[in-house]
């Protein structure tokens, strides 16, 4: 199983002959220039945490071209259906679904959600993905919340993906609180340095996380990681 990071909150997991793509903000993402284009991606499944433009991004174009199944909250699936994409699996906070390739649980996220055209995007979410004997928790855009401790108790999290850019989400200090609750084997940060408002010292973040006793890896756009 391999994870590839495309910058901001976009990443891909290749597993069991299935390609999962998360929050595909590719076009107009300064991190993807010279790394990848939306047309390069051929996912089987797109998982979307919420409807903001820097996450919705190229979702509809990629899904229409590839026929990929879209996994998201009920409102996002309805929106995609109205745009002509009918291959969707609606979910909502706390619900789980078994796919042929693995199991997904949709988690709470403390944020907001609306499409670029102003349409309400439902409640934002994160995802717990169980696949190939591994557990990956993508928090989505959020602040730490106390129920993360339940996730740490109920799951043996191999990989935690969480924002550190501050301003619109948790920053480095908040991320460490979340990491302590989840107790992951490895943490990879998301949602940082894309725009001036979310620039952060990633070296300091990684050192702070390691000093607290947790493994951390900052990935560059286009970099891959074997899980």
C-alpha atoms as a PDB file:
ATOM      1  CA  UNK A   1       0.000   0.000   0.000  1.00  0.00           C
ATOM      2  CA  UNK A   2       1.385   3.371  -1.003  1.00  0.00           C
ATOM      3  CA  UNK A   3       0.428   6.937  -0.125  1.00  0.00           C
ATOM      4  CA  UNK A   4       1.228   9.835  -2.459  1.00  0.00           C
ATOM      5  CA  UNK A   5       0.847  13.443  -1.298  1.00  0.00           C
ATOM      6  CA  UNK A   6      -0.100  16.139  -3.803  1.00  0.00           C
ATOM      7  CA  UNK A   7       0.038  19.156  -1.500  1.00  0.00           C
ATOM      8  CA  UNK A   8      -2.572  20.944   0.598  1.00  0.00           C
ATOM      9  CA  UNK A   9      -5.006  18.153   1.587  1.00  0.00           C
ATOM     10  CA  UNK A  10      -4.901  16.093  -1.615  1.00  0.00           C
ATOM     11  CA  UNK A  11      -3.448  12.621  -1.405  1.00  0.00           C
ATOM     12  CA  UNK A  12      -3.824   9.203  -2.968  1.00  0.00           C
ATOM     13  CA  UNK A  13      -3.682   5.680  -1.569  1.00  0.00           C
ATOM     14  CA  UNK A  14      -3.048   2.722  -3.849  1.00  0.00           C
ATOM     15  CA  UNK A  15      -4.217  -0.494  -2.248  1.00  0.00           C
ATOM     16  CA  UNK A  16      -5.638  -3.907  -3.166  1.00  0.00           C
ATOM     17  CA  UNK A  17      -5.823  -2.916  -6.823  1.00  0.00           C
ATOM     18  CA  UNK A  18      -7.915   0.127  -5.896  1.00  0.00           C
ATOM     19  CA  UNK A  19      -6.830   3.773  -6.047  1.00  0.00           C
ATOM     20  CA  UNK A  20      -8.346   6.101  -3.448  1.00  0.00           C
ATOM     21  CA  UNK A  21      -8.096   9.865  -3.963  1.00  0.00           C
ATOM     22  CA  UNK A  22      -8.828  12.342  -1.155  1.00  0.00           C
ATOM     23  CA  UNK A  23      -9.827  16.006  -1.515  1.00  0.00           C
ATOM     24  CA  UNK A  24      -8.486  16.473  -5.083  1.00  0.00           C
ATOM     25  CA  UNK A  25      -7.707  20.186  -5.157  1.00  0.00           C
ATOM     26  CA  UNK A  26      -5.218  19.951  -8.040  1.00  0.00           C
ATOM     27  CA  UNK A  27      -5.925  22.758 -10.521  1.00  0.00           C
ATOM     28  CA  UNK A  28      -4.794  26.146  -9.119  1.00  0.00           C
ATOM     29  CA  UNK A  29      -3.042  24.391  -6.244  1.00  0.00           C
ATOM     30  CA  UNK A  30       0.450  25.955  -6.236  1.00  0.00           C
ATOM     31  CA  UNK A  31       1.903  22.746  -4.769  1.00  0.00           C
ATOM     32  CA  UNK A  32       0.925  20.628  -7.772  1.00  0.00           C
ATOM     33  CA  UNK A  33       2.600  22.740 -10.452  1.00  0.00           C
ATOM     34  CA  UNK A  34       5.014  20.486 -12.305  1.00  0.00           C
ATOM     35  CA  UNK A  35       4.022  17.561 -10.063  1.00  0.00           C
ATOM     36  CA  UNK A  36       0.622  16.366 -11.258  1.00  0.00           C
ATOM     37  CA  UNK A  37      -2.427  17.522 -13.192  1.00  0.00           C
ATOM     38  CA  UNK A  38      -6.022  16.484 -12.673  1.00  0.00           C
ATOM     39  CA  UNK A  39      -5.899  14.641 -15.996  1.00  0.00           C
ATOM     40  CA  UNK A  40      -3.052  12.468 -14.688  1.00  0.00           C
ATOM     41  CA  UNK A  41      -5.226  10.956 -11.967  1.00  0.00           C
ATOM     42  CA  UNK A  42      -7.264   7.774 -12.470  1.00  0.00           C
ATOM     43  CA  UNK A  43      -8.896   7.011  -9.122  1.00  0.00           C
ATOM     44  CA  UNK A  44     -11.462   4.299  -8.526  1.00  0.00           C
ATOM     45  CA  UNK A  45     -12.817   6.158  -5.493  1.00  0.00           C
ATOM     46  CA  UNK A  46     -12.797   9.829  -4.449  1.00  0.00           C
ATOM     47  CA  UNK A  47     -13.300  10.574  -0.747  1.00  0.00           C
ATOM     48  CA  UNK A  48     -14.255  14.155   0.020  1.00  0.00           C
ATOM     49  CA  UNK A  49     -14.120  15.598   3.536  1.00  0.00           C
ATOM     50  CA  UNK A  50     -16.135  18.745   2.770  1.00  0.00           C
ATOM     51  CA  UNK A  51     -17.235  21.088  -0.009  1.00  0.00           C
ATOM     52  CA  UNK A  52     -14.844  24.045   0.235  1.00  0.00           C
ATOM     53  CA  UNK A  53     -13.137  24.836  -3.059  1.00  0.00           C
ATOM     54  CA  UNK A  54      -9.691  23.845  -1.790  1.00  0.00           C
ATOM     55  CA  UNK A  55     -11.029  20.313  -1.217  1.00  0.00           C
ATOM     56  CA  UNK A  56     -13.852  19.930  -3.772  1.00  0.00           C
ATOM     57  CA  UNK A  57     -11.364  21.209  -6.368  1.00  0.00           C
ATOM     58  CA  UNK A  58     -11.349  18.888  -9.402  1.00  0.00           C
ATOM     59  CA  UNK A  59     -13.707  16.316  -7.895  1.00  0.00           C
ATOM     60  CA  UNK A  60     -16.462  16.598 -10.468  1.00  0.00           C
ATOM     61  CA  UNK A  61     -14.139  16.722 -13.487  1.00  0.00           C
ATOM     62  CA  UNK A  62     -12.141  13.699 -12.323  1.00  0.00           C
ATOM     63  CA  UNK A  63     -15.241  11.728 -11.311  1.00  0.00           C
ATOM     64  CA  UNK A  64     -16.966  12.468 -14.630  1.00  0.00           C
ATOM     65  CA  UNK A  65     -13.922  11.473 -16.687  1.00  0.00           C
ATOM     66  CA  UNK A  66     -13.066   8.296 -14.752  1.00  0.00           C
ATOM     67  CA  UNK A  67     -16.447   7.211 -13.413  1.00  0.00           C
ATOM     68  CA  UNK A  68     -14.923   7.084  -9.933  1.00  0.00           C
ATOM     69  CA  UNK A  69     -17.233   6.449  -7.013  1.00  0.00           C
ATOM     70  CA  UNK A  70     -17.629   9.533  -4.813  1.00  0.00           C
ATOM     71  CA  UNK A  71     -17.776   8.956  -1.047  1.00  0.00           C
ATOM     72  CA  UNK A  72     -18.917  11.943   0.992  1.00  0.00           C
ATOM     73  CA  UNK A  73     -21.726  13.264   3.140  1.00  0.00           C
ATOM     74  CA  UNK A  74     -25.334  13.185   1.955  1.00  0.00           C
ATOM     75  CA  UNK A  75     -25.417  16.810   0.798  1.00  0.00           C
ATOM     76  CA  UNK A  76     -22.249  16.505  -1.290  1.00  0.00           C
ATOM     77  CA  UNK A  77     -23.523  13.352  -2.980  1.00  0.00           C
ATOM     78  CA  UNK A  78     -26.836  15.073  -3.778  1.00  0.00           C
ATOM     79  CA  UNK A  79     -24.928  18.050  -5.227  1.00  0.00           C
ATOM     80  CA  UNK A  80     -22.825  15.752  -7.414  1.00  0.00           C
ATOM     81  CA  UNK A  81     -25.958  13.898  -8.528  1.00  0.00           C
ATOM     82  CA  UNK A  82     -27.506  17.197  -9.586  1.00  0.00           C
ATOM     83  CA  UNK A  83     -24.363  17.875 -11.618  1.00  0.00           C
ATOM     84  CA  UNK A  84     -24.821  14.568 -13.442  1.00  0.00           C
ATOM     85  CA  UNK A  85     -22.516  12.238 -11.466  1.00  0.00           C
ATOM     86  CA  UNK A  86     -24.596   9.365 -10.093  1.00  0.00           C
ATOM     87  CA  UNK A  87     -21.890   6.992  -8.792  1.00  0.00           C
ATOM     88  CA  UNK A  88     -21.894   8.086  -5.160  1.00  0.00           C
ATOM     89  CA  UNK A  89     -21.975   6.547  -1.698  1.00  0.00           C
ATOM     90  CA  UNK A  90     -23.614   8.957   0.774  1.00  0.00           C
ATOM     91  CA  UNK A  91     -22.540   8.821   4.410  1.00  0.00           C
ATOM     92  CA  UNK A  92     -22.896  10.932   7.525  1.00  0.00           C
ATOM     93  CA  UNK A  93     -21.150  11.530  10.817  1.00  0.00           C
ATOM     94  CA  UNK A  94     -20.571   8.332  12.786  1.00  0.00           C
ATOM     95  CA  UNK A  95     -21.706   6.025   9.997  1.00  0.00           C
ATOM     96  CA  UNK A  96     -19.588   3.284   8.450  1.00  0.00           C
ATOM     97  CA  UNK A  97     -19.710   1.395   5.164  1.00  0.00           C
ATOM     98  CA  UNK A  98     -17.996  -1.761   3.937  1.00  0.00           C
ATOM     99  CA  UNK A  99     -16.624  -1.522   0.414  1.00  0.00           C
ATOM    100  CA  UNK A 100     -15.062  -4.368  -1.582  1.00  0.00           C
ATOM    101  CA  UNK A 101     -11.639  -2.844  -0.880  1.00  0.00           C
ATOM    102  CA  UNK A 102     -12.050  -1.866   2.809  1.00  0.00           C
ATOM    103  CA  UNK A 103     -14.151  -0.175   5.477  1.00  0.00           C
ATOM    104  CA  UNK A 104     -14.778   3.563   5.905  1.00  0.00           C
ATOM    105  CA  UNK A 105     -16.137   5.346   8.957  1.00  0.00           C
ATOM    106  CA  UNK A 106     -17.077   9.001   8.635  1.00  0.00           C
ATOM    107  CA  UNK A 107     -16.045  11.067  11.643  1.00  0.00           C
ATOM    108  CA  UNK A 108     -16.941  14.434  13.096  1.00  0.00           C
ATOM    109  CA  UNK A 109     -14.884  17.479  12.090  1.00  0.00           C
ATOM    110  CA  UNK A 110     -15.156  20.936  13.635  1.00  0.00           C
ATOM    111  CA  UNK A 111     -15.249  23.239  10.610  1.00  0.00           C
ATOM    112  CA  UNK A 112     -17.689  24.634   7.999  1.00  0.00           C
ATOM    113  CA  UNK A 113     -18.646  23.506   4.510  1.00  0.00           C
ATOM    114  CA  UNK A 114     -20.065  25.174   1.409  1.00  0.00           C
ATOM    115  CA  UNK A 115     -19.441  24.787  -2.311  1.00  0.00           C
ATOM    116  CA  UNK A 116     -17.688  27.525  -4.317  1.00  0.00           C
ATOM    117  CA  UNK A 117     -21.109  28.606  -5.653  1.00  0.00           C
ATOM    118  CA  UNK A 118     -22.387  29.108  -2.096  1.00  0.00           C
ATOM    119  CA  UNK A 119     -24.490  25.930  -1.900  1.00  0.00           C
ATOM    120  CA  UNK A 120     -24.565  24.380   1.575  1.00  0.00           C
ATOM    121  CA  UNK A 121     -22.191  21.415   1.725  1.00  0.00           C
ATOM    122  CA  UNK A 122     -23.504  19.613   4.791  1.00  0.00           C
ATOM    123  CA  UNK A 123     -21.456  18.996   7.906  1.00  0.00           C
ATOM    124  CA  UNK A 124     -17.691  18.601   7.352  1.00  0.00           C
ATOM    125  CA  UNK A 125     -16.184  15.233   8.171  1.00  0.00           C
ATOM    126  CA  UNK A 126     -13.070  13.148   8.483  1.00  0.00           C
ATOM    127  CA  UNK A 127     -12.538   9.520   7.497  1.00  0.00           C
ATOM    128  CA  UNK A 128     -11.231   6.415   9.216  1.00  0.00           C
ATOM    129  CA  UNK A 129     -10.149   4.003   6.490  1.00  0.00           C
ATOM    130  CA  UNK A 130      -9.425   0.382   7.345  1.00  0.00           C
ATOM    131  CA  UNK A 131      -7.685  -1.404   4.501  1.00  0.00           C
ATOM    132  CA  UNK A 132      -5.041  -4.138   4.134  1.00  0.00           C
ATOM    133  CA  UNK A 133      -4.854  -4.486   7.907  1.00  0.00           C
ATOM    134  CA  UNK A 134      -3.963  -0.796   8.319  1.00  0.00           C
ATOM    135  CA  UNK A 135      -5.987   2.034   9.853  1.00  0.00           C
ATOM    136  CA  UNK A 136      -5.673   5.538   8.400  1.00  0.00           C
ATOM    137  CA  UNK A 137      -7.409   8.497  10.032  1.00  0.00           C
ATOM    138  CA  UNK A 138      -7.775  11.642   7.933  1.00  0.00           C
ATOM    139  CA  UNK A 139      -9.245  14.239  10.291  1.00  0.00           C
ATOM    140  CA  UNK A 140     -10.311  16.621   7.519  1.00  0.00           C
ATOM    141  CA  UNK A 141     -10.242  20.343   8.296  1.00  0.00           C
ATOM    142  CA  UNK A 142     -10.849  20.607  12.018  1.00  0.00           C
ATOM    143  CA  UNK A 143      -9.850  21.799  15.433  1.00  0.00           C
ATOM    144  CA  UNK A 144      -9.048  19.131  18.035  1.00  0.00           C
ATOM    145  CA  UNK A 145     -12.150  17.783  19.774  1.00  0.00           C
ATOM    146  CA  UNK A 146     -12.388  15.546  22.810  1.00  0.00           C
ATOM    147  CA  UNK A 147     -13.937  12.572  20.999  1.00  0.00           C
ATOM    148  CA  UNK A 148     -10.619  12.064  19.218  1.00  0.00           C
ATOM    149  CA  UNK A 149      -9.629  10.278  22.405  1.00  0.00           C
ATOM    150  CA  UNK A 150     -12.338   7.694  21.660  1.00  0.00           C
ATOM    151  CA  UNK A 151     -10.810   7.124  18.239  1.00  0.00           C
ATOM    152  CA  UNK A 152      -7.454   6.563  19.930  1.00  0.00           C
ATOM    153  CA  UNK A 153      -9.079   4.037  22.255  1.00  0.00           C
ATOM    154  CA  UNK A 154     -11.134   2.225  19.623  1.00  0.00           C
ATOM    155  CA  UNK A 155      -8.591   2.063  16.804  1.00  0.00           C
ATOM    156  CA  UNK A 156      -4.919   1.242  16.467  1.00  0.00           C
ATOM    157  CA  UNK A 157      -4.165   4.122  14.093  1.00  0.00           C
ATOM    158  CA  UNK A 158      -1.217   3.458  11.807  1.00  0.00           C
ATOM    159  CA  UNK A 159      -1.319   6.816  10.012  1.00  0.00           C
ATOM    160  CA  UNK A 160      -2.844  10.111  11.135  1.00  0.00           C
ATOM    161  CA  UNK A 161      -3.325  12.850   8.534  1.00  0.00           C
ATOM    162  CA  UNK A 162      -4.248  16.206  10.041  1.00  0.00           C
ATOM    163  CA  UNK A 163      -4.008  19.940   9.296  1.00  0.00           C
ATOM    164  CA  UNK A 164      -1.357  22.112  10.922  1.00  0.00           C
ATOM    165  CA  UNK A 165      -1.662  25.403   9.010  1.00  0.00           C
ATOM    166  CA  UNK A 166      -3.636  27.340  11.648  1.00  0.00           C
ATOM    167  CA  UNK A 167      -6.005  30.240  10.823  1.00  0.00           C
ATOM    168  CA  UNK A 168      -8.734  28.007   9.268  1.00  0.00           C
ATOM    169  CA  UNK A 169      -7.900  24.772  11.120  1.00  0.00           C
ATOM    170  CA  UNK A 170      -5.840  23.635  14.077  1.00  0.00           C
ATOM    171  CA  UNK A 171      -2.258  24.837  14.116  1.00  0.00           C
ATOM    172  CA  UNK A 172       0.859  23.082  15.411  1.00  0.00           C
ATOM    173  CA  UNK A 173      -0.132  23.316  19.092  1.00  0.00           C
ATOM    174  CA  UNK A 174      -3.634  22.022  18.439  1.00  0.00           C
ATOM    175  CA  UNK A 175      -2.301  19.235  16.252  1.00  0.00           C
ATOM    176  CA  UNK A 176      -0.135  17.973  19.094  1.00  0.00           C
ATOM    177  CA  UNK A 177      -3.205  17.817  21.343  1.00  0.00           C
ATOM    178  CA  UNK A 178      -4.955  15.748  18.662  1.00  0.00           C
ATOM    179  CA  UNK A 179      -1.936  13.471  18.230  1.00  0.00           C
ATOM    180  CA  UNK A 180      -1.820  12.800  21.964  1.00  0.00           C
ATOM    181  CA  UNK A 181      -5.463  11.736  21.889  1.00  0.00           C
ATOM    182  CA  UNK A 182      -5.231   9.544  18.793  1.00  0.00           C
ATOM    183  CA  UNK A 183      -1.825   7.972  19.612  1.00  0.00           C
ATOM    184  CA  UNK A 184      -0.902   7.139  15.986  1.00  0.00           C
ATOM    185  CA  UNK A 185       2.161   5.243  14.850  1.00  0.00           C
ATOM    186  CA  UNK A 186       2.931   8.022  12.325  1.00  0.00           C
ATOM    187  CA  UNK A 187       1.564  11.507  11.650  1.00  0.00           C
ATOM    188  CA  UNK A 188       1.744  13.297   8.294  1.00  0.00           C
ATOM    189  CA  UNK A 189       0.560  16.936   8.190  1.00  0.00           C
ATOM    190  CA  UNK A 190      -1.878  18.446   5.684  1.00  0.00           C
ATOM    191  CA  UNK A 191      -3.336  21.862   4.871  1.00  0.00           C
ATOM    192  CA  UNK A 192      -0.216  24.010   5.283  1.00  0.00           C
ATOM    193  CA  UNK A 193       1.924  26.417   3.231  1.00  0.00           C
ATOM    194  CA  UNK A 194      -0.458  26.512   0.253  1.00  0.00           C
ATOM    195  CA  UNK A 195      -1.328  30.164   0.843  1.00  0.00           C
ATOM    196  CA  UNK A 196       0.236  32.903   3.012  1.00  0.00           C
ATOM    197  CA  UNK A 197      -2.482  32.582   5.660  1.00  0.00           C
ATOM    198  CA  UNK A 198      -1.528  28.964   6.417  1.00  0.00           C
ATOM    199  CA  UNK A 199       2.255  29.128   6.260  1.00  0.00           C
ATOM    200  CA  UNK A 200       3.875  27.315   9.177  1.00  0.00           C
ATOM    201  CA  UNK A 201       7.335  26.178  10.299  1.00  0.00           C
ATOM    202  CA  UNK A 202       7.086  22.485   9.446  1.00  0.00           C
ATOM    203  CA  UNK A 203      10.551  21.693  10.811  1.00  0.00           C
ATOM    204  CA  UNK A 204       9.542  23.102  14.188  1.00  0.00           C
ATOM    205  CA  UNK A 205       6.270  21.161  14.045  1.00  0.00           C
ATOM    206  CA  UNK A 206       8.049  17.876  13.289  1.00  0.00           C
ATOM    207  CA  UNK A 207      10.558  18.461  16.081  1.00  0.00           C
ATOM    208  CA  UNK A 208       7.813  19.343  18.553  1.00  0.00           C
ATOM    209  CA  UNK A 209       5.919  16.178  17.621  1.00  0.00           C
ATOM    210  CA  UNK A 210       8.999  13.994  17.912  1.00  0.00           C
ATOM    211  CA  UNK A 211       9.941  15.592  21.241  1.00  0.00           C
ATOM    212  CA  UNK A 212       6.497  14.548  22.506  1.00  0.00           C
ATOM    213  CA  UNK A 213       7.332  10.941  21.583  1.00  0.00           C
ATOM    214  CA  UNK A 214       5.478  10.583  18.284  1.00  0.00           C
ATOM    215  CA  UNK A 215       6.793   9.814  14.803  1.00  0.00           C
ATOM    216  CA  UNK A 216       6.190  12.570  12.234  1.00  0.00           C
ATOM    217  CA  UNK A 217       6.970  12.949   8.544  1.00  0.00           C
ATOM    218  CA  UNK A 218       6.449  16.081   6.455  1.00  0.00           C
ATOM    219  CA  UNK A 219       5.881  15.035   2.847  1.00  0.00           C
ATOM    220  CA  UNK A 220       6.697  17.135  -0.199  1.00  0.00           C
ATOM    221  CA  UNK A 221       4.199  17.336  -3.078  1.00  0.00           C
ATOM    222  CA  UNK A 222       4.661  14.274  -5.276  1.00  0.00           C
ATOM    223  CA  UNK A 223       6.420  12.283  -2.543  1.00  0.00           C
ATOM    224  CA  UNK A 224       5.302   8.723  -1.813  1.00  0.00           C
ATOM    225  CA  UNK A 225       5.302   6.675   1.363  1.00  0.00           C
ATOM    226  CA  UNK A 226       4.985   2.915   1.728  1.00  0.00           C
ATOM    227  CA  UNK A 227       2.580   1.936   4.492  1.00  0.00           C
END
